């Protein structure tokens, strides 16, 4: 259960060109739980269960970042190899 705290980031809407590809990537690389909502949209919960969100195709991904989100990993080299593999 997420810990409620004033100012905590709790939800993300991530732009993508392909929802399934993005869902598979974050599930395989970072262990995110991917689920289907009752409205048919694909949502996620991060590996801690503290942050959730959805992917959307109605916003175009941008090559130059606006906001930068960092994801913690246990082993940087293993995470890089997993990113490259997926």
PDB file of N, CA and C in Angstrom:
ATOM      1  N   UNK A   1       0.839  -1.179   0.000  1.00  0.00           N
ATOM      2  CA  UNK A   1       0.000   0.000   0.000  1.00  0.00           C
ATOM      3  C   UNK A   1       0.879   1.235   0.000  1.00  0.00           C
ATOM      4  N   UNK A   2       0.651   2.176  -0.929  1.00  0.00           N
ATOM      5  CA  UNK A   2       1.470   3.390  -0.966  1.00  0.00           C
ATOM      6  C   UNK A   2       1.372   4.173   0.336  1.00  0.00           C
ATOM      7  N   UNK A   3       2.504   4.736   0.722  1.00  0.00           N
ATOM      8  CA  UNK A   3       2.495   5.561   1.926  1.00  0.00           C
ATOM      9  C   UNK A   3       2.106   6.985   1.552  1.00  0.00           C
ATOM     10  N   UNK A   4       0.972   7.471   2.085  1.00  0.00           N
ATOM     11  CA  UNK A   4       0.534   8.819   1.744  1.00  0.00           C
ATOM     12  C   UNK A   4       1.435   9.851   2.409  1.00  0.00           C
ATOM     13  N   UNK A   5       1.828  10.839   1.646  1.00  0.00           N
ATOM     14  CA  UNK A   5       2.669  11.899   2.180  1.00  0.00           C
ATOM     15  C   UNK A   5       2.481  13.124   1.300  1.00  0.00           C
ATOM     16  N   UNK A   6       2.288  14.252   1.917  1.00  0.00           N
ATOM     17  CA  UNK A   6       2.093  15.493   1.175  1.00  0.00           C
ATOM     18  C   UNK A   6       3.277  15.737   0.237  1.00  0.00           C
ATOM     19  N   UNK A   7       3.003  15.960  -1.028  1.00  0.00           N
ATOM     20  CA  UNK A   7       4.030  16.267  -2.008  1.00  0.00           C
ATOM     21  C   UNK A   7       4.649  15.070  -2.697  1.00  0.00           C
ATOM     22  N   UNK A   8       4.259  13.863  -2.318  1.00  0.00           N
ATOM     23  CA  UNK A   8       4.819  12.645  -2.910  1.00  0.00           C
ATOM     24  C   UNK A   8       4.332  12.479  -4.346  1.00  0.00           C
ATOM     25  N   UNK A   9       5.230  12.123  -5.245  1.00  0.00           N
ATOM     26  CA  UNK A   9       4.818  11.782  -6.611  1.00  0.00           C
ATOM     27  C   UNK A   9       4.166  10.409  -6.554  1.00  0.00           C
ATOM     28  N   UNK A  10       2.933  10.313  -7.058  1.00  0.00           N
ATOM     29  CA  UNK A  10       2.207   9.056  -6.936  1.00  0.00           C
ATOM     30  C   UNK A  10       1.693   8.524  -8.271  1.00  0.00           C
ATOM     31  N   UNK A  11       1.704   9.332  -9.332  1.00  0.00           N
ATOM     32  CA  UNK A  11       1.111   8.887 -10.592  1.00  0.00           C
ATOM     33  C   UNK A  11       1.852   9.521 -11.754  1.00  0.00           C
ATOM     34  N   UNK A  12       2.082   8.746 -12.803  1.00  0.00           N
ATOM     35  CA  UNK A  12       2.759   9.218 -14.005  1.00  0.00           C
ATOM     36  C   UNK A  12       1.942   8.860 -15.236  1.00  0.00           C
ATOM     37  N   UNK A  13       1.901   9.752 -16.190  1.00  0.00           N
ATOM     38  CA  UNK A  13       1.364   9.461 -17.517  1.00  0.00           C
ATOM     39  C   UNK A  13       2.543   9.538 -18.468  1.00  0.00           C
ATOM     40  N   UNK A  14       2.885   8.397 -19.056  1.00  0.00           N
ATOM     41  CA  UNK A  14       4.070   8.311 -19.894  1.00  0.00           C
ATOM     42  C   UNK A  14       3.691   8.203 -21.368  1.00  0.00           C
ATOM     43  N   UNK A  15       4.175   9.136 -22.195  1.00  0.00           N
ATOM     44  CA  UNK A  15       3.894   9.040 -23.623  1.00  0.00           C
ATOM     45  C   UNK A  15       4.670   7.887 -24.258  1.00  0.00           C
ATOM     46  N   UNK A  16       4.058   7.255 -25.244  1.00  0.00           N
ATOM     47  CA  UNK A  16       4.696   6.150 -25.962  1.00  0.00           C
ATOM     48  C   UNK A  16       4.096   6.038 -27.354  1.00  0.00           C
ATOM     49  N   UNK A  17       4.824   5.437 -28.247  1.00  0.00           N
ATOM     50  CA  UNK A  17       4.271   5.129 -29.571  1.00  0.00           C
ATOM     51  C   UNK A  17       3.602   3.762 -29.573  1.00  0.00           C
ATOM     52  N   UNK A  18       4.012   2.889 -28.615  1.00  0.00           N
ATOM     53  CA  UNK A  18       3.499   1.521 -28.567  1.00  0.00           C
ATOM     54  C   UNK A  18       3.357   1.107 -27.103  1.00  0.00           C
ATOM     55  N   UNK A  19       2.137   1.042 -26.616  1.00  0.00           N
ATOM     56  CA  UNK A  19       1.875   0.749 -25.208  1.00  0.00           C
ATOM     57  C   UNK A  19       2.403  -0.622 -24.810  1.00  0.00           C
ATOM     58  N   UNK A  20       2.158  -1.647 -25.623  1.00  0.00           N
ATOM     59  CA  UNK A  20       2.590  -3.000 -25.267  1.00  0.00           C
ATOM     60  C   UNK A  20       4.103  -3.104 -25.184  1.00  0.00           C
ATOM     61  N   UNK A  21       4.801  -2.479 -26.130  1.00  0.00           N
ATOM     62  CA  UNK A  21       6.262  -2.498 -26.108  1.00  0.00           C
ATOM     63  C   UNK A  21       6.787  -1.818 -24.854  1.00  0.00           C
ATOM     64  N   UNK A  22       6.217  -0.672 -24.495  1.00  0.00           N
ATOM     65  CA  UNK A  22       6.635   0.035 -23.284  1.00  0.00           C
ATOM     66  C   UNK A  22       6.322  -0.784 -22.037  1.00  0.00           C
ATOM     67  N   UNK A  23       5.136  -1.368 -21.991  1.00  0.00           N
ATOM     68  CA  UNK A  23       4.750  -2.185 -20.840  1.00  0.00           C
ATOM     69  C   UNK A  23       5.703  -3.363 -20.679  1.00  0.00           C
ATOM     70  N   UNK A  24       6.019  -4.046 -21.769  1.00  0.00           N
ATOM     71  CA  UNK A  24       6.944  -5.180 -21.717  1.00  0.00           C
ATOM     72  C   UNK A  24       8.326  -4.731 -21.246  1.00  0.00           C
ATOM     73  N   UNK A  25       8.793  -3.597 -21.741  1.00  0.00           N
ATOM     74  CA  UNK A  25      10.111  -3.087 -21.365  1.00  0.00           C
ATOM     75  C   UNK A  25      10.196  -2.823 -19.864  1.00  0.00           C
ATOM     76  N   UNK A  26       9.268  -2.058 -19.313  1.00  0.00           N
ATOM     77  CA  UNK A  26       9.324  -1.712 -17.891  1.00  0.00           C
ATOM     78  C   UNK A  26       9.071  -2.931 -16.995  1.00  0.00           C
ATOM     79  N   UNK A  27       8.256  -3.866 -17.451  1.00  0.00           N
ATOM     80  CA  UNK A  27       8.037  -5.104 -16.699  1.00  0.00           C
ATOM     81  C   UNK A  27       9.320  -5.927 -16.669  1.00  0.00           C
ATOM     82  N   UNK A  28       9.942  -6.120 -17.836  1.00  0.00           N
ATOM     83  CA  UNK A  28      11.123  -6.970 -17.938  1.00  0.00           C
ATOM     84  C   UNK A  28      12.376  -6.363 -17.309  1.00  0.00           C
ATOM     85  N   UNK A  29      12.559  -5.063 -17.468  1.00  0.00           N
ATOM     86  CA  UNK A  29      13.780  -4.421 -16.987  1.00  0.00           C
ATOM     87  C   UNK A  29      13.688  -4.045 -15.511  1.00  0.00           C
ATOM     88  N   UNK A  30      12.551  -3.491 -15.086  1.00  0.00           N
ATOM     89  CA  UNK A  30      12.442  -2.943 -13.739  1.00  0.00           C
ATOM     90  C   UNK A  30      11.465  -3.681 -12.824  1.00  0.00           C
ATOM     91  N   UNK A  31      10.806  -4.714 -13.351  1.00  0.00           N
ATOM     92  CA  UNK A  31       9.894  -5.497 -12.519  1.00  0.00           C
ATOM     93  C   UNK A  31       8.587  -4.805 -12.193  1.00  0.00           C
ATOM     94  N   UNK A  32       8.172  -3.858 -13.044  1.00  0.00           N
ATOM     95  CA  UNK A  32       6.896  -3.170 -12.802  1.00  0.00           C
ATOM     96  C   UNK A  32       5.735  -4.127 -13.027  1.00  0.00           C
ATOM     97  N   UNK A  33       4.704  -3.985 -12.226  1.00  0.00           N
ATOM     98  CA  UNK A  33       3.475  -4.765 -12.382  1.00  0.00           C
ATOM     99  C   UNK A  33       2.607  -4.063 -13.423  1.00  0.00           C
ATOM    100  N   UNK A  34       2.278  -4.756 -14.498  1.00  0.00           N
ATOM    101  CA  UNK A  34       1.445  -4.190 -15.578  1.00  0.00           C
ATOM    102  C   UNK A  34       0.072  -4.820 -15.479  1.00  0.00           C
ATOM    103  N   UNK A  35      -0.956  -3.996 -15.608  1.00  0.00           N
ATOM    104  CA  UNK A  35      -2.325  -4.486 -15.447  1.00  0.00           C
ATOM    105  C   UNK A  35      -3.248  -3.774 -16.433  1.00  0.00           C
ATOM    106  N   UNK A  36      -4.373  -4.418 -16.711  1.00  0.00           N
ATOM    107  CA  UNK A  36      -5.418  -3.834 -17.550  1.00  0.00           C
ATOM    108  C   UNK A  36      -6.494  -3.252 -16.632  1.00  0.00           C
ATOM    109  N   UNK A  37      -6.870  -2.030 -16.888  1.00  0.00           N
ATOM    110  CA  UNK A  37      -7.959  -1.408 -16.137  1.00  0.00           C
ATOM    111  C   UNK A  37      -9.290  -1.848 -16.731  1.00  0.00           C
ATOM    112  N   UNK A  38     -10.343  -1.595 -15.985  1.00  0.00           N
ATOM    113  CA  UNK A  38     -11.678  -1.987 -16.448  1.00  0.00           C
ATOM    114  C   UNK A  38     -12.066  -1.277 -17.740  1.00  0.00           C
ATOM    115  N   UNK A  39     -11.455  -0.107 -18.014  1.00  0.00           N
ATOM    116  CA  UNK A  39     -11.755   0.609 -19.262  1.00  0.00           C
ATOM    117  C   UNK A  39     -10.894   0.122 -20.427  1.00  0.00           C
ATOM    118  N   UNK A  40     -10.035  -0.902 -20.172  1.00  0.00           N
ATOM    119  CA  UNK A  40      -9.203  -1.472 -21.219  1.00  0.00           C
ATOM    120  C   UNK A  40      -7.828  -0.849 -21.340  1.00  0.00           C
ATOM    121  N   UNK A  41      -7.563   0.241 -20.627  1.00  0.00           N
ATOM    122  CA  UNK A  41      -6.252   0.873 -20.714  1.00  0.00           C
ATOM    123  C   UNK A  41      -5.221   0.068 -19.927  1.00  0.00           C
ATOM    124  N   UNK A  42      -3.970   0.213 -20.317  1.00  0.00           N
ATOM    125  CA  UNK A  42      -2.872  -0.485 -19.662  1.00  0.00           C
ATOM    126  C   UNK A  42      -2.256   0.439 -18.622  1.00  0.00           C
ATOM    127  N   UNK A  43      -2.147  -0.058 -17.406  1.00  0.00           N
ATOM    128  CA  UNK A  43      -1.596   0.728 -16.304  1.00  0.00           C
ATOM    129  C   UNK A  43      -0.429  -0.028 -15.685  1.00  0.00           C
ATOM    130  N   UNK A  44       0.304   0.659 -14.818  1.00  0.00           N
ATOM    131  CA  UNK A  44       1.427   0.022 -14.132  1.00  0.00           C
ATOM    132  C   UNK A  44       1.504   0.477 -12.681  1.00  0.00           C
ATOM    133  N   UNK A  45       2.171  -0.341 -11.909  1.00  0.00           N
ATOM    134  CA  UNK A  45       2.610  -0.003 -10.560  1.00  0.00           C
ATOM    135  C   UNK A  45       4.104  -0.290 -10.537  1.00  0.00           C
ATOM    136  N   UNK A  46       4.883   0.631  -9.989  1.00  0.00           N
ATOM    137  CA  UNK A  46       6.324   0.380  -9.950  1.00  0.00           C
ATOM    138  C   UNK A  46       6.640  -0.795  -9.036  1.00  0.00           C
ATOM    139  N   UNK A  47       7.890  -1.198  -8.993  1.00  0.00           N
ATOM    140  CA  UNK A  47       8.288  -2.381  -8.240  1.00  0.00           C
ATOM    141  C   UNK A  47       8.047  -2.249  -6.740  1.00  0.00           C
ATOM    142  N   UNK A  48       7.917  -1.013  -6.237  1.00  0.00           N
ATOM    143  CA  UNK A  48       7.667  -0.801  -4.813  1.00  0.00           C
ATOM    144  C   UNK A  48       6.183  -0.719  -4.487  1.00  0.00           C
ATOM    145  N   UNK A  49       5.347  -0.556  -5.533  1.00  0.00           N
ATOM    146  CA  UNK A  49       3.920  -0.353  -5.308  1.00  0.00           C
ATOM    147  C   UNK A  49       3.606   1.062  -4.837  1.00  0.00           C
ATOM    148  N   UNK A  50       4.587   1.956  -4.906  1.00  0.00           N
ATOM    149  CA  UNK A  50       4.411   3.323  -4.419  1.00  0.00           C
ATOM    150  C   UNK A  50       3.968   4.299  -5.512  1.00  0.00           C
ATOM    151  N   UNK A  51       4.270   3.990  -6.758  1.00  0.00           N
ATOM    152  CA  UNK A  51       3.941   4.885  -7.873  1.00  0.00           C
ATOM    153  C   UNK A  51       3.193   4.083  -8.924  1.00  0.00           C
ATOM    154  N   UNK A  52       2.128   4.646  -9.454  1.00  0.00           N
ATOM    155  CA  UNK A  52       1.390   3.992 -10.526  1.00  0.00           C
ATOM    156  C   UNK A  52       1.221   4.971 -11.677  1.00  0.00           C
ATOM    157  N   UNK A  53       0.694   4.465 -12.764  1.00  0.00           N
ATOM    158  CA  UNK A  53       0.494   5.326 -13.920  1.00  0.00           C
ATOM    159  C   UNK A  53       0.014   4.549 -15.119  1.00  0.00           C
ATOM    160  N   UNK A  54       0.066   5.208 -16.263  1.00  0.00           N
ATOM    161  CA  UNK A  54      -0.403   4.647 -17.530  1.00  0.00           C
ATOM    162  C   UNK A  54       0.475   5.147 -18.658  1.00  0.00           C
ATOM    163  N   UNK A  55       0.436   4.433 -19.767  1.00  0.00           N
ATOM    164  CA  UNK A  55       1.080   4.886 -20.997  1.00  0.00           C
ATOM    165  C   UNK A  55      -0.005   5.427 -21.912  1.00  0.00           C
ATOM    166  N   UNK A  56       0.328   6.454 -22.677  1.00  0.00           N
ATOM    167  CA  UNK A  56      -0.627   7.081 -23.580  1.00  0.00           C
ATOM    168  C   UNK A  56       0.003   7.323 -24.937  1.00  0.00           C
ATOM    169  N   UNK A  57      -0.758   7.061 -25.981  1.00  0.00           N
ATOM    170  CA  UNK A  57      -0.287   7.333 -27.334  1.00  0.00           C
ATOM    171  C   UNK A  57      -0.765   8.685 -27.827  1.00  0.00           C
ATOM    172  N   UNK A  58      -1.609   9.351 -27.070  1.00  0.00           N
ATOM    173  CA  UNK A  58      -2.141  10.638 -27.531  1.00  0.00           C
ATOM    174  C   UNK A  58      -1.139  11.785 -27.336  1.00  0.00           C
ATOM    175  N   UNK A  59      -0.049  11.511 -26.628  1.00  0.00           N
ATOM    176  CA  UNK A  59       1.036  12.481 -26.492  1.00  0.00           C
ATOM    177  C   UNK A  59       2.261  11.892 -27.171  1.00  0.00           C
ATOM    178  N   UNK A  60       2.938  12.679 -27.968  1.00  0.00           N
ATOM    179  CA  UNK A  60       4.100  12.193 -28.694  1.00  0.00           C
ATOM    180  C   UNK A  60       5.334  12.219 -27.802  1.00  0.00           C
ATOM    181  N   UNK A  61       6.061  11.101 -27.721  1.00  0.00           N
ATOM    182  CA  UNK A  61       7.328  11.117 -26.995  1.00  0.00           C
ATOM    183  C   UNK A  61       8.273  12.143 -27.621  1.00  0.00           C
ATOM    184  N   UNK A  62       9.054  12.823 -26.810  1.00  0.00           N
ATOM    185  CA  UNK A  62       9.960  13.864 -27.281  1.00  0.00           C
ATOM    186  C   UNK A  62      11.397  13.401 -27.087  1.00  0.00           C
ATOM    187  N   UNK A  63      12.226  13.607 -28.090  1.00  0.00           N
ATOM    188  CA  UNK A  63      13.631  13.193 -27.997  1.00  0.00           C
ATOM    189  C   UNK A  63      14.399  14.021 -26.971  1.00  0.00           C
ATOM    190  N   UNK A  64      13.998  15.266 -26.750  1.00  0.00           N
ATOM    191  CA  UNK A  64      14.666  16.077 -25.731  1.00  0.00           C
ATOM    192  C   UNK A  64      13.806  16.068 -24.473  1.00  0.00           C
ATOM    193  N   UNK A  65      14.397  15.635 -23.345  1.00  0.00           N
ATOM    194  CA  UNK A  65      13.604  15.477 -22.120  1.00  0.00           C
ATOM    195  C   UNK A  65      13.127  16.810 -21.561  1.00  0.00           C
ATOM    196  N   UNK A  66      11.932  16.766 -20.988  1.00  0.00           N
ATOM    197  CA  UNK A  66      11.411  17.893 -20.236  1.00  0.00           C
ATOM    198  C   UNK A  66      11.668  17.581 -18.777  1.00  0.00           C
ATOM    199  N   UNK A  67      10.842  16.740 -18.208  1.00  0.00           N
ATOM    200  CA  UNK A  67      11.053  16.281 -16.837  1.00  0.00           C
ATOM    201  C   UNK A  67      11.856  14.994 -16.889  1.00  0.00           C
ATOM    202  N   UNK A  68      12.760  14.825 -15.968  1.00  0.00           N
ATOM    203  CA  UNK A  68      13.604  13.638 -15.944  1.00  0.00           C
ATOM    204  C   UNK A  68      13.213  12.791 -14.748  1.00  0.00           C
ATOM    205  N   UNK A  69      12.841  11.550 -14.986  1.00  0.00           N
ATOM    206  CA  UNK A  69      12.463  10.611 -13.936  1.00  0.00           C
ATOM    207  C   UNK A  69      13.614   9.628 -13.759  1.00  0.00           C
ATOM    208  N   UNK A  70      14.036   9.391 -12.549  1.00  0.00           N
ATOM    209  CA  UNK A  70      15.101   8.428 -12.273  1.00  0.00           C
ATOM    210  C   UNK A  70      14.500   7.177 -11.652  1.00  0.00           C
ATOM    211  N   UNK A  71      14.998   6.015 -12.055  1.00  0.00           N
ATOM    212  CA  UNK A  71      14.531   4.734 -11.529  1.00  0.00           C
ATOM    213  C   UNK A  71      15.707   4.076 -10.814  1.00  0.00           C
ATOM    214  N   UNK A  72      15.507   3.743  -9.535  1.00  0.00           N
ATOM    215  CA  UNK A  72      16.563   3.093  -8.764  1.00  0.00           C
ATOM    216  C   UNK A  72      16.749   1.647  -9.221  1.00  0.00           C
ATOM    217  N   UNK A  73      18.012   1.194  -9.244  1.00  0.00           N
ATOM    218  CA  UNK A  73      18.328  -0.195  -9.579  1.00  0.00           C
ATOM    219  C   UNK A  73      19.329  -0.728  -8.555  1.00  0.00           C
ATOM    220  N   UNK A  74      19.324  -2.041  -8.354  1.00  0.00           N
ATOM    221  CA  UNK A  74      20.251  -2.672  -7.417  1.00  0.00           C
ATOM    222  C   UNK A  74      21.656  -2.791  -8.000  1.00  0.00           C
ATOM    223  N   UNK A  75      21.729  -3.003  -9.308  1.00  0.00           N
ATOM    224  CA  UNK A  75      23.014  -3.259  -9.971  1.00  0.00           C
ATOM    225  C   UNK A  75      23.003  -2.520 -11.305  1.00  0.00           C
ATOM    226  N   UNK A  76      23.759  -1.432 -11.398  1.00  0.00           N
ATOM    227  CA  UNK A  76      23.731  -0.592 -12.588  1.00  0.00           C
ATOM    228  C   UNK A  76      24.132  -1.350 -13.847  1.00  0.00           C
ATOM    229  N   UNK A  77      25.210  -2.103 -13.775  1.00  0.00           N
ATOM    230  CA  UNK A  77      25.675  -2.829 -14.960  1.00  0.00           C
ATOM    231  C   UNK A  77      24.630  -3.850 -15.428  1.00  0.00           C
ATOM    232  N   UNK A  78      24.022  -4.569 -14.493  1.00  0.00           N
ATOM    233  CA  UNK A  78      22.974  -5.533 -14.860  1.00  0.00           C
ATOM    234  C   UNK A  78      21.772  -4.811 -15.456  1.00  0.00           C
ATOM    235  N   UNK A  79      21.433  -3.656 -14.920  1.00  0.00           N
ATOM    236  CA  UNK A  79      20.292  -2.896 -15.446  1.00  0.00           C
ATOM    237  C   UNK A  79      20.579  -2.401 -16.860  1.00  0.00           C
ATOM    238  N   UNK A  80      21.789  -1.937 -17.094  1.00  0.00           N
ATOM    239  CA  UNK A  80      22.168  -1.488 -18.453  1.00  0.00           C
ATOM    240  C   UNK A  80      22.061  -2.654 -19.426  1.00  0.00           C
ATOM    241  N   UNK A  81      22.555  -3.816 -19.040  1.00  0.00           N
ATOM    242  CA  UNK A  81      22.481  -4.995 -19.916  1.00  0.00           C
ATOM    243  C   UNK A  81      21.035  -5.385 -20.186  1.00  0.00           C
ATOM    244  N   UNK A  82      20.161  -5.260 -19.175  1.00  0.00           N
ATOM    245  CA  UNK A  82      18.750  -5.583 -19.347  1.00  0.00           C
ATOM    246  C   UNK A  82      18.078  -4.580 -20.279  1.00  0.00           C
ATOM    247  N   UNK A  83      18.418  -3.307 -20.127  1.00  0.00           N
ATOM    248  CA  UNK A  83      17.878  -2.270 -21.023  1.00  0.00           C
ATOM    249  C   UNK A  83      18.279  -2.579 -22.464  1.00  0.00           C
ATOM    250  N   UNK A  84      19.531  -2.888 -22.678  1.00  0.00           N
ATOM    251  CA  UNK A  84      20.014  -3.189 -24.032  1.00  0.00           C
ATOM    252  C   UNK A  84      19.330  -4.439 -24.600  1.00  0.00           C
ATOM    253  N   UNK A  85      19.067  -5.414 -23.741  1.00  0.00           N
ATOM    254  CA  UNK A  85      18.428  -6.658 -24.204  1.00  0.00           C
ATOM    255  C   UNK A  85      16.962  -6.476 -24.541  1.00  0.00           C
ATOM    256  N   UNK A  86      16.312  -5.517 -23.891  1.00  0.00           N
ATOM    257  CA  UNK A  86      14.885  -5.325 -24.107  1.00  0.00           C
ATOM    258  C   UNK A  86      14.588  -4.082 -24.907  1.00  0.00           C
TER     259      UNK A  86
END
